[in-house]
Amino acid sequence: MSRRRPEHLPSRPTWRCQACGIAWPCSAAKLRLLAEYRGQRANLLIYLATLQAEAAVQLADLGGGTALAGLHDRFLGWARPRG
């Protein structure tokens, strides 16, 4: 019997990846998001900004002040168009 592996989705309120346990979005999640939003970079950035705001509230509630400082780079920095 095959066990289904968890997807690379955020585990709230810690914002760690459900599959690999690192800070979300992990590399696999970034690749999936880029493919899903191909040709729709503005929509991707809006989606990620919304998730960043949600994460900021949840991580602050957990007392993750040091983690909050890097949220912009973590959620949006990688998704900006290069050029």
PDB file of N, CA and C in Angstrom:
ATOM      1  N   MET A   1       0.840  -1.177   0.000  1.00  0.00           N
ATOM      2  CA  MET A   1       0.000   0.000   0.000  1.00  0.00           C
ATOM      3  C   MET A   1       0.888   1.244   0.000  1.00  0.00           C
ATOM      4  N   SER A   2       0.613   2.168  -0.870  1.00  0.00           N
ATOM      5  CA  SER A   2       1.407   3.376  -1.015  1.00  0.00           C
ATOM      6  C   SER A   2       0.878   4.479  -0.108  1.00  0.00           C
ATOM      7  N   ARG A   3       1.792   5.081   0.645  1.00  0.00           N
ATOM      8  CA  ARG A   3       1.401   6.211   1.492  1.00  0.00           C
ATOM      9  C   ARG A   3       1.578   7.482   0.697  1.00  0.00           C
ATOM     10  N   ARG A   4       0.593   8.325   0.764  1.00  0.00           N
ATOM     11  CA  ARG A   4       0.676   9.605   0.065  1.00  0.00           C
ATOM     12  C   ARG A   4       1.508  10.572   0.886  1.00  0.00           C
ATOM     13  N   ARG A   5       2.485  11.180   0.225  1.00  0.00           N
ATOM     14  CA  ARG A   5       3.353  12.152   0.890  1.00  0.00           C
ATOM     15  C   ARG A   5       2.623  13.479   0.991  1.00  0.00           C
ATOM     16  N   PRO A   6       2.840  14.203   2.057  1.00  0.00           N
ATOM     17  CA  PRO A   6       2.193  15.506   2.169  1.00  0.00           C
ATOM     18  C   PRO A   6       2.708  16.472   1.104  1.00  0.00           C
ATOM     19  N   GLU A   7       1.852  17.381   0.706  1.00  0.00           N
ATOM     20  CA  GLU A   7       2.242  18.380  -0.280  1.00  0.00           C
ATOM     21  C   GLU A   7       3.064  19.470   0.395  1.00  0.00           C
ATOM     22  N   HIS A   8       3.758  20.231  -0.403  1.00  0.00           N
ATOM     23  CA  HIS A   8       4.595  21.322   0.105  1.00  0.00           C
ATOM     24  C   HIS A   8       3.719  22.554   0.337  1.00  0.00           C
ATOM     25  N   LEU A   9       2.906  22.462   1.381  1.00  0.00           N
ATOM     26  CA  LEU A   9       1.973  23.516   1.759  1.00  0.00           C
ATOM     27  C   LEU A   9       2.346  24.024   3.149  1.00  0.00           C
ATOM     28  N   PRO A  10       1.926  25.257   3.484  1.00  0.00           N
ATOM     29  CA  PRO A  10       2.273  25.782   4.804  1.00  0.00           C
ATOM     30  C   PRO A  10       1.453  25.139   5.909  1.00  0.00           C
ATOM     31  N   SER A  11       2.110  24.912   7.013  1.00  0.00           N
ATOM     32  CA  SER A  11       1.437  24.436   8.213  1.00  0.00           C
ATOM     33  C   SER A  11       1.248  25.644   9.124  1.00  0.00           C
ATOM     34  N   ARG A  12       0.021  26.046   9.269  1.00  0.00           N
ATOM     35  CA  ARG A  12      -0.274  27.219  10.082  1.00  0.00           C
ATOM     36  C   ARG A  12      -0.439  26.805  11.532  1.00  0.00           C
ATOM     37  N   PRO A  13      -0.009  27.548  12.495  1.00  0.00           N
ATOM     38  CA  PRO A  13       0.481  28.918  12.471  1.00  0.00           C
ATOM     39  C   PRO A  13       2.002  29.036  12.414  1.00  0.00           C
ATOM     40  N   THR A  14       2.712  27.919  12.257  1.00  0.00           N
ATOM     41  CA  THR A  14       4.175  27.978  12.286  1.00  0.00           C
ATOM     42  C   THR A  14       4.790  28.354  10.942  1.00  0.00           C
ATOM     43  N   TRP A  15       4.033  28.189   9.876  1.00  0.00           N
ATOM     44  CA  TRP A  15       4.496  28.491   8.526  1.00  0.00           C
ATOM     45  C   TRP A  15       5.731  27.689   8.150  1.00  0.00           C
ATOM     46  N   ARG A  16       5.720  26.421   8.537  1.00  0.00           N
ATOM     47  CA  ARG A  16       6.718  25.449   8.101  1.00  0.00           C
ATOM     48  C   ARG A  16       6.056  24.582   7.047  1.00  0.00           C
ATOM     49  N   CYS A  17       6.846  24.039   6.137  1.00  0.00           N
ATOM     50  CA  CYS A  17       6.326  23.185   5.074  1.00  0.00           C
ATOM     51  C   CYS A  17       5.824  21.864   5.663  1.00  0.00           C
ATOM     52  N   GLN A  18       4.637  21.452   5.243  1.00  0.00           N
ATOM     53  CA  GLN A  18       4.061  20.192   5.721  1.00  0.00           C
ATOM     54  C   GLN A  18       4.861  18.982   5.259  1.00  0.00           C
ATOM     55  N   ALA A  19       5.535  19.095   4.132  1.00  0.00           N
ATOM     56  CA  ALA A  19       6.261  17.958   3.568  1.00  0.00           C
ATOM     57  C   ALA A  19       7.696  17.867   4.059  1.00  0.00           C
ATOM     58  N   CYS A  20       8.417  18.997   4.074  1.00  0.00           N
ATOM     59  CA  CYS A  20       9.845  18.924   4.389  1.00  0.00           C
ATOM     60  C   CYS A  20      10.227  19.632   5.694  1.00  0.00           C
ATOM     61  N   GLY A  21       9.301  20.386   6.267  1.00  0.00           N
ATOM     62  CA  GLY A  21       9.527  20.979   7.575  1.00  0.00           C
ATOM     63  C   GLY A  21      10.325  22.269   7.615  1.00  0.00           C
ATOM     64  N   ILE A  22      10.771  22.757   6.448  1.00  0.00           N
ATOM     65  CA  ILE A  22      11.539  24.006   6.484  1.00  0.00           C
ATOM     66  C   ILE A  22      10.580  25.185   6.324  1.00  0.00           C
ATOM     67  N   ALA A  23      11.110  26.389   6.482  1.00  0.00           N
ATOM     68  CA  ALA A  23      10.285  27.587   6.369  1.00  0.00           C
ATOM     69  C   ALA A  23       9.590  27.615   5.012  1.00  0.00           C
ATOM     70  N   TRP A  24       8.284  27.839   5.034  1.00  0.00           N
ATOM     71  CA  TRP A  24       7.501  27.896   3.807  1.00  0.00           C
ATOM     72  C   TRP A  24       7.488  29.315   3.287  1.00  0.00           C
ATOM     73  N   PRO A  25       7.609  29.557   1.987  1.00  0.00           N
ATOM     74  CA  PRO A  25       7.628  28.578   0.911  1.00  0.00           C
ATOM     75  C   PRO A  25       9.019  27.960   0.719  1.00  0.00           C
ATOM     76  N   CYS A  26       9.051  26.657   0.734  1.00  0.00           N
ATOM     77  CA  CYS A  26      10.292  25.919   0.481  1.00  0.00           C
ATOM     78  C   CYS A  26      10.570  25.927  -1.026  1.00  0.00           C
ATOM     79  N   SER A  27      11.678  25.380  -1.421  1.00  0.00           N
ATOM     80  CA  SER A  27      12.039  25.363  -2.850  1.00  0.00           C
ATOM     81  C   SER A  27      10.997  24.661  -3.705  1.00  0.00           C
ATOM     82  N   ALA A  28      10.493  23.538  -3.222  1.00  0.00           N
ATOM     83  CA  ALA A  28       9.480  22.811  -3.994  1.00  0.00           C
ATOM     84  C   ALA A  28       8.201  23.623  -4.125  1.00  0.00           C
ATOM     85  N   ALA A  29       7.806  24.325  -3.077  1.00  0.00           N
ATOM     86  CA  ALA A  29       6.606  25.163  -3.131  1.00  0.00           C
ATOM     87  C   ALA A  29       6.814  26.325  -4.098  1.00  0.00           C
ATOM     88  N   LYS A  30       7.996  26.911  -4.090  1.00  0.00           N
ATOM     89  CA  LYS A  30       8.293  28.011  -5.003  1.00  0.00           C
ATOM     90  C   LYS A  30       8.181  27.544  -6.457  1.00  0.00           C
ATOM     91  N   LEU A  31       8.734  26.398  -6.756  1.00  0.00           N
ATOM     92  CA  LEU A  31       8.650  25.870  -8.122  1.00  0.00           C
ATOM     93  C   LEU A  31       7.206  25.613  -8.531  1.00  0.00           C
ATOM     94  N   ARG A  32       6.419  25.042  -7.616  1.00  0.00           N
ATOM     95  CA  ARG A  32       5.008  24.773  -7.897  1.00  0.00           C
ATOM     96  C   ARG A  32       4.247  26.077  -8.134  1.00  0.00           C
ATOM     97  N   LEU A  33       4.506  27.076  -7.292  1.00  0.00           N
ATOM     98  CA  LEU A  33       3.821  28.362  -7.433  1.00  0.00           C
ATOM     99  C   LEU A  33       4.196  29.056  -8.737  1.00  0.00           C
ATOM    100  N   LEU A  34       5.480  29.035  -9.104  1.00  0.00           N
ATOM    101  CA  LEU A  34       5.903  29.643 -10.365  1.00  0.00           C
ATOM    102  C   LEU A  34       5.220  28.966 -11.558  1.00  0.00           C
ATOM    103  N   ALA A  35       5.089  27.656 -11.506  1.00  0.00           N
ATOM    104  CA  ALA A  35       4.421  26.934 -12.588  1.00  0.00           C
ATOM    105  C   ALA A  35       2.923  27.251 -12.602  1.00  0.00           C
ATOM    106  N   GLU A  36       2.324  27.276 -11.429  1.00  0.00           N
ATOM    107  CA  GLU A  36       0.883  27.523 -11.319  1.00  0.00           C
ATOM    108  C   GLU A  36       0.525  28.937 -11.798  1.00  0.00           C
ATOM    109  N   TYR A  37       1.378  29.893 -11.523  1.00  0.00           N
ATOM    110  CA  TYR A  37       1.117  31.290 -11.870  1.00  0.00           C
ATOM    111  C   TYR A  37       1.925  31.752 -13.088  1.00  0.00           C
ATOM    112  N   ARG A  38       2.349  30.822 -13.918  1.00  0.00           N
ATOM    113  CA  ARG A  38       3.125  31.175 -15.111  1.00  0.00           C
ATOM    114  C   ARG A  38       2.352  32.183 -15.947  1.00  0.00           C
ATOM    115  N   GLY A  39       3.010  33.298 -16.273  1.00  0.00           N
ATOM    116  CA  GLY A  39       2.371  34.334 -17.061  1.00  0.00           C
ATOM    117  C   GLY A  39       1.455  35.241 -16.261  1.00  0.00           C
ATOM    118  N   GLN A  40       1.403  35.036 -14.952  1.00  0.00           N
ATOM    119  CA  GLN A  40       0.526  35.825 -14.078  1.00  0.00           C
ATOM    120  C   GLN A  40       1.307  36.280 -12.846  1.00  0.00           C
ATOM    121  N   ARG A  41       2.457  36.879 -13.068  1.00  0.00           N
ATOM    122  CA  ARG A  41       3.354  37.248 -11.956  1.00  0.00           C
ATOM    123  C   ARG A  41       2.678  38.196 -10.966  1.00  0.00           C
ATOM    124  N   ALA A  42       1.893  39.155 -11.464  1.00  0.00           N
ATOM    125  CA  ALA A  42       1.211  40.092 -10.565  1.00  0.00           C
ATOM    126  C   ALA A  42       0.262  39.348  -9.629  1.00  0.00           C
ATOM    127  N   ASN A  43      -0.462  38.381 -10.147  1.00  0.00           N
ATOM    128  CA  ASN A  43      -1.374  37.590  -9.314  1.00  0.00           C
ATOM    129  C   ASN A  43      -0.606  36.784  -8.273  1.00  0.00           C
ATOM    130  N   LEU A  44       0.538  36.242  -8.662  1.00  0.00           N
ATOM    131  CA  LEU A  44       1.379  35.504  -7.718  1.00  0.00           C
ATOM    132  C   LEU A  44       1.839  36.414  -6.587  1.00  0.00           C
ATOM    133  N   LEU A  45       2.281  37.616  -6.928  1.00  0.00           N
ATOM    134  CA  LEU A  45       2.759  38.545  -5.909  1.00  0.00           C
ATOM    135  C   LEU A  45       1.638  38.970  -4.967  1.00  0.00           C
ATOM    136  N   ILE A  46       0.441  39.164  -5.498  1.00  0.00           N
ATOM    137  CA  ILE A  46      -0.705  39.498  -4.639  1.00  0.00           C
ATOM    138  C   ILE A  46      -1.013  38.346  -3.699  1.00  0.00           C
ATOM    139  N   TYR A  47      -1.027  37.134  -4.222  1.00  0.00           N
ATOM    140  CA  TYR A  47      -1.277  35.947  -3.402  1.00  0.00           C
ATOM    141  C   TYR A  47      -0.232  35.814  -2.298  1.00  0.00           C
ATOM    142  N   LEU A  48       1.034  35.971  -2.659  1.00  0.00           N
ATOM    143  CA  LEU A  48       2.106  35.836  -1.674  1.00  0.00           C
ATOM    144  C   LEU A  48       2.065  36.955  -0.635  1.00  0.00           C
ATOM    145  N   ALA A  49       1.716  38.164  -1.043  1.00  0.00           N
ATOM    146  CA  ALA A  49       1.603  39.277  -0.092  1.00  0.00           C
ATOM    147  C   ALA A  49       0.484  39.013   0.906  1.00  0.00           C
ATOM    148  N   THR A  50      -0.598  38.424   0.438  1.00  0.00           N
ATOM    149  CA  THR A  50      -1.709  38.072   1.322  1.00  0.00           C
ATOM    150  C   THR A  50      -1.265  37.021   2.343  1.00  0.00           C
ATOM    151  N   LEU A  51      -0.532  36.024   1.872  1.00  0.00           N
ATOM    152  CA  LEU A  51      -0.031  34.992   2.780  1.00  0.00           C
ATOM    153  C   LEU A  51       1.003  35.563   3.747  1.00  0.00           C
ATOM    154  N   GLN A  52       1.826  36.496   3.279  1.00  0.00           N
ATOM    155  CA  GLN A  52       2.812  37.123   4.153  1.00  0.00           C
ATOM    156  C   GLN A  52       2.114  37.863   5.293  1.00  0.00           C
ATOM    157  N   ALA A  53       1.051  38.583   5.000  1.00  0.00           N
ATOM    158  CA  ALA A  53       0.306  39.303   6.030  1.00  0.00           C
ATOM    159  C   ALA A  53      -0.290  38.327   7.041  1.00  0.00           C
ATOM    160  N   GLU A  54      -0.841  37.225   6.561  1.00  0.00           N
ATOM    161  CA  GLU A  54      -1.395  36.197   7.444  1.00  0.00           C
ATOM    162  C   GLU A  54      -0.300  35.592   8.316  1.00  0.00           C
ATOM    163  N   ALA A  55       0.834  35.293   7.719  1.00  0.00           N
ATOM    164  CA  ALA A  55       1.946  34.709   8.462  1.00  0.00           C
ATOM    165  C   ALA A  55       2.469  35.677   9.520  1.00  0.00           C
ATOM    166  N   ALA A  56       2.530  36.963   9.190  1.00  0.00           N
ATOM    167  CA  ALA A  56       3.034  37.951  10.139  1.00  0.00           C
ATOM    168  C   ALA A  56       2.187  37.970  11.401  1.00  0.00           C
ATOM    169  N   VAL A  57       0.874  37.919  11.244  1.00  0.00           N
ATOM    170  CA  VAL A  57      -0.024  37.915  12.403  1.00  0.00           C
ATOM    171  C   VAL A  57       0.157  36.634  13.212  1.00  0.00           C
ATOM    172  N   GLN A  58       0.175  35.496  12.533  1.00  0.00           N
ATOM    173  CA  GLN A  58       0.261  34.218  13.234  1.00  0.00           C
ATOM    174  C   GLN A  58       1.610  34.034  13.912  1.00  0.00           C
ATOM    175  N   LEU A  59       2.682  34.417  13.247  1.00  0.00           N
ATOM    176  CA  LEU A  59       4.006  34.275  13.854  1.00  0.00           C
ATOM    177  C   LEU A  59       4.186  35.256  15.014  1.00  0.00           C
ATOM    178  N   ALA A  60       3.603  36.445  14.907  1.00  0.00           N
ATOM    179  CA  ALA A  60       3.669  37.404  16.019  1.00  0.00           C
ATOM    180  C   ALA A  60       2.945  36.844  17.236  1.00  0.00           C
ATOM    181  N   ASP A  61       1.805  36.185  16.990  1.00  0.00           N
ATOM    182  CA  ASP A  61       1.064  35.568  18.092  1.00  0.00           C
ATOM    183  C   ASP A  61       1.871  34.472  18.774  1.00  0.00           C
ATOM    184  N   LEU A  62       2.754  33.829  18.000  1.00  0.00           N
ATOM    185  CA  LEU A  62       3.614  32.775  18.557  1.00  0.00           C
ATOM    186  C   LEU A  62       4.867  33.349  19.207  1.00  0.00           C
ATOM    187  N   GLY A  63       5.062  34.662  19.077  1.00  0.00           N
ATOM    188  CA  GLY A  63       6.257  35.288  19.638  1.00  0.00           C
ATOM    189  C   GLY A  63       7.458  35.169  18.730  1.00  0.00           C
ATOM    190  N   GLY A  64       7.235  35.105  17.433  1.00  0.00           N
ATOM    191  CA  GLY A  64       8.332  34.938  16.477  1.00  0.00           C
ATOM    192  C   GLY A  64       8.856  36.248  15.947  1.00  0.00           C
ATOM    193  N   GLY A  65       9.186  37.190  16.823  1.00  0.00           N
ATOM    194  CA  GLY A  65       9.638  38.510  16.404  1.00  0.00           C
ATOM    195  C   GLY A  65      10.833  38.486  15.485  1.00  0.00           C
ATOM    196  N   THR A  66      11.805  37.638  15.758  1.00  0.00           N
ATOM    197  CA  THR A  66      12.988  37.596  14.888  1.00  0.00           C
ATOM    198  C   THR A  66      12.636  37.035  13.521  1.00  0.00           C
ATOM    199  N   ALA A  67      11.689  36.119  13.455  1.00  0.00           N
ATOM    200  CA  ALA A  67      11.286  35.536  12.177  1.00  0.00           C
ATOM    201  C   ALA A  67      10.548  36.553  11.316  1.00  0.00           C
ATOM    202  N   LEU A  68       9.899  37.538  11.945  1.00  0.00           N
ATOM    203  CA  LEU A  68       9.114  38.509  11.197  1.00  0.00           C
ATOM    204  C   LEU A  68       9.976  39.410  10.321  1.00  0.00           C
ATOM    205  N   ALA A  69      11.191  39.652  10.742  1.00  0.00           N
ATOM    206  CA  ALA A  69      12.064  40.572  10.017  1.00  0.00           C
ATOM    207  C   ALA A  69      12.329  40.120   8.585  1.00  0.00           C
ATOM    208  N   GLY A  70      12.398  38.854   8.324  1.00  0.00           N
ATOM    209  CA  GLY A  70      12.722  38.352   6.997  1.00  0.00           C
ATOM    210  C   GLY A  70      11.538  37.906   6.169  1.00  0.00           C
ATOM    211  N   LEU A  71      10.327  38.232   6.603  1.00  0.00           N
ATOM    212  CA  LEU A  71       9.155  37.731   5.884  1.00  0.00           C
ATOM    213  C   LEU A  71       9.041  38.281   4.466  1.00  0.00           C
ATOM    214  N   HIS A  72       9.404  39.513   4.253  1.00  0.00           N
ATOM    215  CA  HIS A  72       9.288  40.070   2.902  1.00  0.00           C
ATOM    216  C   HIS A  72      10.166  39.286   1.919  1.00  0.00           C
ATOM    217  N   ASP A  73      11.416  39.072   2.281  1.00  0.00           N
ATOM    218  CA  ASP A  73      12.302  38.300   1.398  1.00  0.00           C
ATOM    219  C   ASP A  73      11.805  36.875   1.252  1.00  0.00           C
ATOM    220  N   ARG A  74      11.353  36.295   2.339  1.00  0.00           N
ATOM    221  CA  ARG A  74      10.896  34.908   2.332  1.00  0.00           C
ATOM    222  C   ARG A  74       9.679  34.710   1.435  1.00  0.00           C
ATOM    223  N   PHE A  75       8.728  35.641   1.482  1.00  0.00           N
ATOM    224  CA  PHE A  75       7.494  35.468   0.723  1.00  0.00           C
ATOM    225  C   PHE A  75       7.512  36.125  -0.646  1.00  0.00           C
ATOM    226  N   LEU A  76       8.155  37.279  -0.775  1.00  0.00           N
ATOM    227  CA  LEU A  76       8.051  38.030  -2.016  1.00  0.00           C
ATOM    228  C   LEU A  76       9.370  38.211  -2.773  1.00  0.00           C
ATOM    229  N   GLY A  77      10.471  38.256  -2.061  1.00  0.00           N
ATOM    230  CA  GLY A  77      11.755  38.550  -2.691  1.00  0.00           C
ATOM    231  C   GLY A  77      12.113  37.621  -3.822  1.00  0.00           C
ATOM    232  N   TRP A  78      11.828  36.361  -3.672  1.00  0.00           N
ATOM    233  CA  TRP A  78      12.188  35.372  -4.687  1.00  0.00           C
ATOM    234  C   TRP A  78      11.266  35.419  -5.900  1.00  0.00           C
ATOM    235  N   ALA A  79      10.075  35.974  -5.743  1.00  0.00           N
ATOM    236  CA  ALA A  79       9.053  35.903  -6.806  1.00  0.00           C
ATOM    237  C   ALA A  79       9.063  37.112  -7.720  1.00  0.00           C
ATOM    238  N   ARG A  80       9.848  38.111  -7.391  1.00  0.00           N
ATOM    239  CA  ARG A  80       9.887  39.305  -8.240  1.00  0.00           C
ATOM    240  C   ARG A  80      10.562  38.976  -9.568  1.00  0.00           C
ATOM    241  N   PRO A  81      10.064  39.594 -10.618  1.00  0.00           N
ATOM    242  CA  PRO A  81      10.685  39.354 -11.932  1.00  0.00           C
ATOM    243  C   PRO A  81      12.137  39.830 -11.940  1.00  0.00           C
ATOM    244  N   ARG A  82      12.978  39.079 -12.563  1.00  0.00           N
ATOM    245  CA  ARG A  82      14.385  39.445 -12.709  1.00  0.00           C
ATOM    246  C   ARG A  82      14.520  40.325 -13.936  1.00  0.00           C
ATOM    247  N   GLY A  83      15.439  41.270 -13.886  1.00  0.00           N
ATOM    248  CA  GLY A  83      15.619  42.008 -15.098  1.00  0.00           C
ATOM    249  C   GLY A  83      16.050  43.357 -14.895  1.00  0.00           C
TER     250      GLY A  83
END
